[in-house]
Amino acid sequence: MPYPMLTLPYPCTRRLRQLLSLDELHKYQTAAGNDFIDLKPLITTATFDNFDVDWIDSRIEYQCDEWYINGSLAASSLLLLLAGMTGFVGTLSRLIGPVTVFPLLTLIAVETVDIVVQKASQHWISVVAFIVLMVCVVFLAEINVPIPYWTNGRYTPIQYPLFGQFPYIIAIVSTWLLALVLSLTNTFDENSPARVNTRSNMETIKEASWFSIPHPGAFGGYAVSPGLLLGFIAACIASIAESIGGYGVLAKISQEPYPTSSTLNRSIIMEGLGTLFGGLCGQGVGMTTYSENIAAVSITRVASRFTMQLGGIFLILLGVFSKIGAILATIPDPMIGGVLGVSMAMIIGVAVSNLDLINLKRSRNITIIGIAMILGLGIPAYVIKLETAGKFPSVGVKDIDDTIMMLLKLKMFVGGLIAFILDNLCGGATLRERGFRHLGEDKPAVGADGYSFPASVNRFLLRPHFNLLLRLPFIPSKKELESILKDQENPNNTQTA
């Protein structure tokens, strides 16, 4: 049965949460957005008794379903907030290493293969989108394009790596224009999945309001479903592990030191606030750091928070003007499948980069990775087989049965959990051989790195009135702040050192 809440997310809500992830507290150079891990519990709980919908007269049932989704999502955000505020994330980062992150990220990509195939197989336009994006990323990324530039009244073209900086925009816009031309000339059939000017698309654009702002309570009240709440909590746990691994990879790509414990704690707090905001405004899914966006940082070589903030503001404007959002919704599903295929390939690339930190000569490391991968693929397949045959063991409580089944069907959760347990229980390798090269190097960040607060904020926190704040696990210690401020006020000493 289709699920009524799986609709187009609000760009405005999503990008407000992106700005949350890029402010002076978060300190990372990548865009955050919808946590599609949350779609798994949503799809699973669509079969719960209290989520059955009578599609003949579904208005009341539809609103009630949204209340359960929004309330459960907002409640699950408390786990992220508590994990960051109590310092649990910083502690966990010392246990989650590349041996865990590699299977986790790889299985995230593998889990999406079915979606990619399902969308891409609808029409050959997906192949065009895939090829254009791949060519921009692989073959044209280093090619400079002359860009017109006028200075002091003179025309002086500058050389700019246009394809490497904007591969996604080039691929999506060029393929969409091709689909539009073929649609207007009736080359595509009326019912073709690649057709842009379908009747439903035109009606959506026509009926969309010009201006709307998402706000808490837009869908009525809030309610909590125990099964859905447990599913969202499980998704939050998987999201924390993914984020910790992703932040480490991002630090490597951006040539920054590994983030400190306080930085990691703040980042998860921001993700928790974003998830809370999404639940209150009816977003339907939480917030996390996109692994594909981390890969995009490597491709575009743009590791600037300011750039991401400008992008977030621009997309907020697009989301506020609903007509523009409706036009963006005309992008055909096959195109999304083609672009998503390249994105998943980049996630696997990010996952593979973790192997550079591991001593692969240790049979212990490669065995754990292999076991996590094979069980991460095998256990969910076996659970699906049991579910189809009606032989899945039951504990007698439907919500618990559904939650257990959902978790065991998540490849990334099963594989990541097995890798985490084995990596921390099995001996035979030093921390450095397991990839924990940053441990023991969690020193006060210098003013030149990307995690330090501005000097004015550091001076404010070092006032005697705020000594208690410095004991919080998401705020750098007094010793760290003093060291950072000293480097910020004497940059020449830092450069000399």
Foldseek 3Di string as FASTA:
>chain_A
DDAVLPDDFQLQLFLVLQVLCLDLQQLFQFGKGFLCLLVLLVVLCCPPPLNDADVVDGPVSNLVVLQALLQLLLVLLVVLQCCLQQLVLLVVLLQQALLLQLQLLLLVLVVCVVVLCVLQVLDVLLVQLLVQLCCLQPPQQPFWDFDWDDDPNDTDTDTHSVSLQPSNVVSQVVSLVVLAVCQVVCVDPQPRLSHLPHPVLVVLLVPWAQFDDQDFCPSHHHDHDVLSSLLSNLSLVSQSSNQSLLQQLLCVLLVFARDHSLSSSSSSSSQSVSSNSCSRRSRSGGMHGQLLRSLSCNRNVDRDSVVSSVVSVVSSVCSRRRSSVSSVVSRGSSNVSSVVNVSSVSSSVSSVVSCVQAQPVQPLSVVLSVVLNVQLVPQLVVLVVCVVVVNDDDPPDVSVSSNVNSQSNRSSNSSSVSSSVSSVPDDDDDCSNSRPPCVVVSAQDAQPGSNDRPLVVLVVCLPPVNQVVLPGSNHPHNVSSVRRNVCVVVVVVVVVD
